[in-house]
């Protein structure tokens, strides 16, 4: 849970949004956002979903059995093994996500 809330805080900071701005977008109080980011509260799943959407993100629940495969897929740039990106292929959203997380 702590890692998820840390990711929210990084996403908010990357977008140069204050806690108050995110709270307003999410329909929460600034204090609720502050408590979540500091780990002082244990938010409900519905609150996490609303907060993610306020940051332009989606919270995705992944079955434990699929996590390893999904992480491998993300690390591969969203391509199956041995499949090149191709000359005309657009950049993968996964590449963008990986480069953003690598900057942190």
Protein backbone atom coordinates (compact mmCIF):
# COMPACT_ATOMS: atom_id res chain seq x y z
CA UNK A 1 0.00 0.00 0.00
CA UNK A 2 2.81 2.38 0.89
CA UNK A 3 4.39 1.95 -2.56
CA UNK A 4 1.08 2.75 -4.26
CA UNK A 5 0.61 5.91 -2.22
CA UNK A 6 4.21 6.92 -2.94
CA UNK A 7 3.49 6.51 -6.66
CA UNK A 8 0.44 8.76 -6.29
CA UNK A 9 2.58 11.41 -4.60
CA UNK A 10 5.20 11.19 -7.38
CA UNK A 11 2.50 11.46 -10.06
CA UNK A 12 1.04 14.52 -8.34
CA UNK A 13 4.46 16.16 -8.05
CA UNK A 14 5.36 15.30 -11.66
CA UNK A 15 2.19 17.09 -12.76
CA UNK A 16 3.12 20.04 -10.51
CA UNK A 17 -0.18 19.77 -8.67
CA UNK A 18 -0.70 20.70 -5.05
CA UNK A 19 -2.43 18.37 -2.64
CA UNK A 20 -5.32 20.85 -2.60
CA UNK A 21 -5.66 20.75 -6.40
CA UNK A 22 -5.74 16.95 -6.48
CA UNK A 23 -8.17 16.88 -3.57
CA UNK A 24 -10.52 19.24 -5.41
CA UNK A 25 -10.37 17.14 -8.58
CA UNK A 26 -11.06 13.97 -6.58
CA UNK A 27 -13.76 15.43 -4.36
CA UNK A 28 -11.64 14.86 -1.25
CA UNK A 29 -10.30 17.16 1.42
CA UNK A 30 -6.70 18.33 1.22
CA UNK A 31 -6.16 16.73 4.63
CA UNK A 32 -7.34 13.35 3.27
CA UNK A 33 -4.79 13.54 0.44
CA UNK A 34 -2.06 14.63 2.86
CA UNK A 35 -2.84 11.74 5.23
CA UNK A 36 -2.81 9.22 2.39
CA UNK A 37 0.52 10.46 1.03
CA UNK A 38 2.11 10.41 4.47
CA UNK A 39 0.79 6.92 5.22
CA UNK A 40 -1.27 8.18 8.17
CA UNK A 41 -4.48 6.73 6.73
CA UNK A 42 -5.54 3.48 5.12
CA UNK A 43 -7.81 4.58 2.25
CA UNK A 44 -10.59 2.48 0.78
CA UNK A 45 -10.21 1.05 -2.71
CA UNK A 46 -12.90 3.42 -3.99
CA UNK A 47 -10.87 6.39 -2.70
CA UNK A 48 -7.72 5.09 -4.41
CA UNK A 49 -9.61 4.77 -7.70
CA UNK A 50 -10.97 8.33 -7.45
CA UNK A 51 -7.52 9.67 -6.58
CA UNK A 52 -5.93 7.82 -9.52
CA UNK A 53 -8.47 9.25 -11.95
CA UNK A 54 -7.88 12.76 -10.57
CA UNK A 55 -4.25 12.26 -11.59
CA UNK A 56 -5.14 10.95 -15.05
CA UNK A 57 -4.34 7.37 -14.07
CA UNK A 58 -6.24 4.13 -13.73
CA UNK A 59 -5.78 1.70 -10.89
CA UNK A 60 -5.52 -1.83 -12.23
CA UNK A 61 -5.91 -4.88 -10.04
CA UNK A 62 -3.93 -7.81 -11.38
CA UNK A 63 -4.36 -11.42 -10.26
CA UNK A 64 -1.22 -12.61 -8.47
CA UNK A 65 -0.83 -15.47 -10.93
CA UNK A 66 -0.49 -12.98 -13.82
CA UNK A 67 1.78 -10.43 -12.15
CA UNK A 68 5.08 -11.96 -13.25
CA UNK A 69 3.93 -12.24 -16.87
CA UNK A 70 2.55 -8.70 -16.86
CA UNK A 71 5.79 -7.28 -15.44
CA UNK A 72 7.81 -9.16 -18.09
CA UNK A 73 5.49 -7.79 -20.78
CA UNK A 74 5.97 -4.25 -19.45
CA UNK A 75 9.76 -4.65 -19.30
CA UNK A 76 9.76 -5.88 -22.91
CA UNK A 77 8.20 -2.60 -24.00
CA UNK A 78 4.78 -4.11 -24.52
CA UNK A 79 6.01 -6.56 -27.14
CA UNK A 80 6.08 -10.31 -27.13
CA UNK A 81 9.50 -11.95 -27.08
CA UNK A 82 11.32 -11.66 -30.38
CA UNK A 83 8.88 -9.13 -31.83
CA UNK A 84 10.74 -5.98 -32.95
CA UNK A 85 9.08 -2.61 -32.68
CA UNK A 86 9.32 -2.08 -36.43
CA UNK A 87 10.27 1.03 -38.38
CA UNK A 88 6.77 2.47 -38.56
CA UNK A 89 5.57 1.24 -35.18
CA UNK A 90 4.51 3.98 -32.77
CA UNK A 91 6.26 4.22 -29.43
CA UNK A 92 4.74 1.89 -26.89
CA UNK A 93 2.89 3.42 -23.93
CA UNK A 94 4.85 0.92 -21.88
CA UNK A 95 8.12 2.53 -23.08
CA UNK A 96 6.80 5.89 -21.88
CA UNK A 97 5.82 4.45 -18.50
CA UNK A 98 9.18 2.73 -18.04
CA UNK A 99 11.14 5.87 -18.95
CA UNK A 100 9.05 7.93 -16.52
CA UNK A 101 9.63 5.50 -13.66
CA UNK A 102 13.37 5.26 -14.50
CA UNK A 103 13.70 9.05 -14.01
CA UNK A 104 12.63 8.74 -10.38
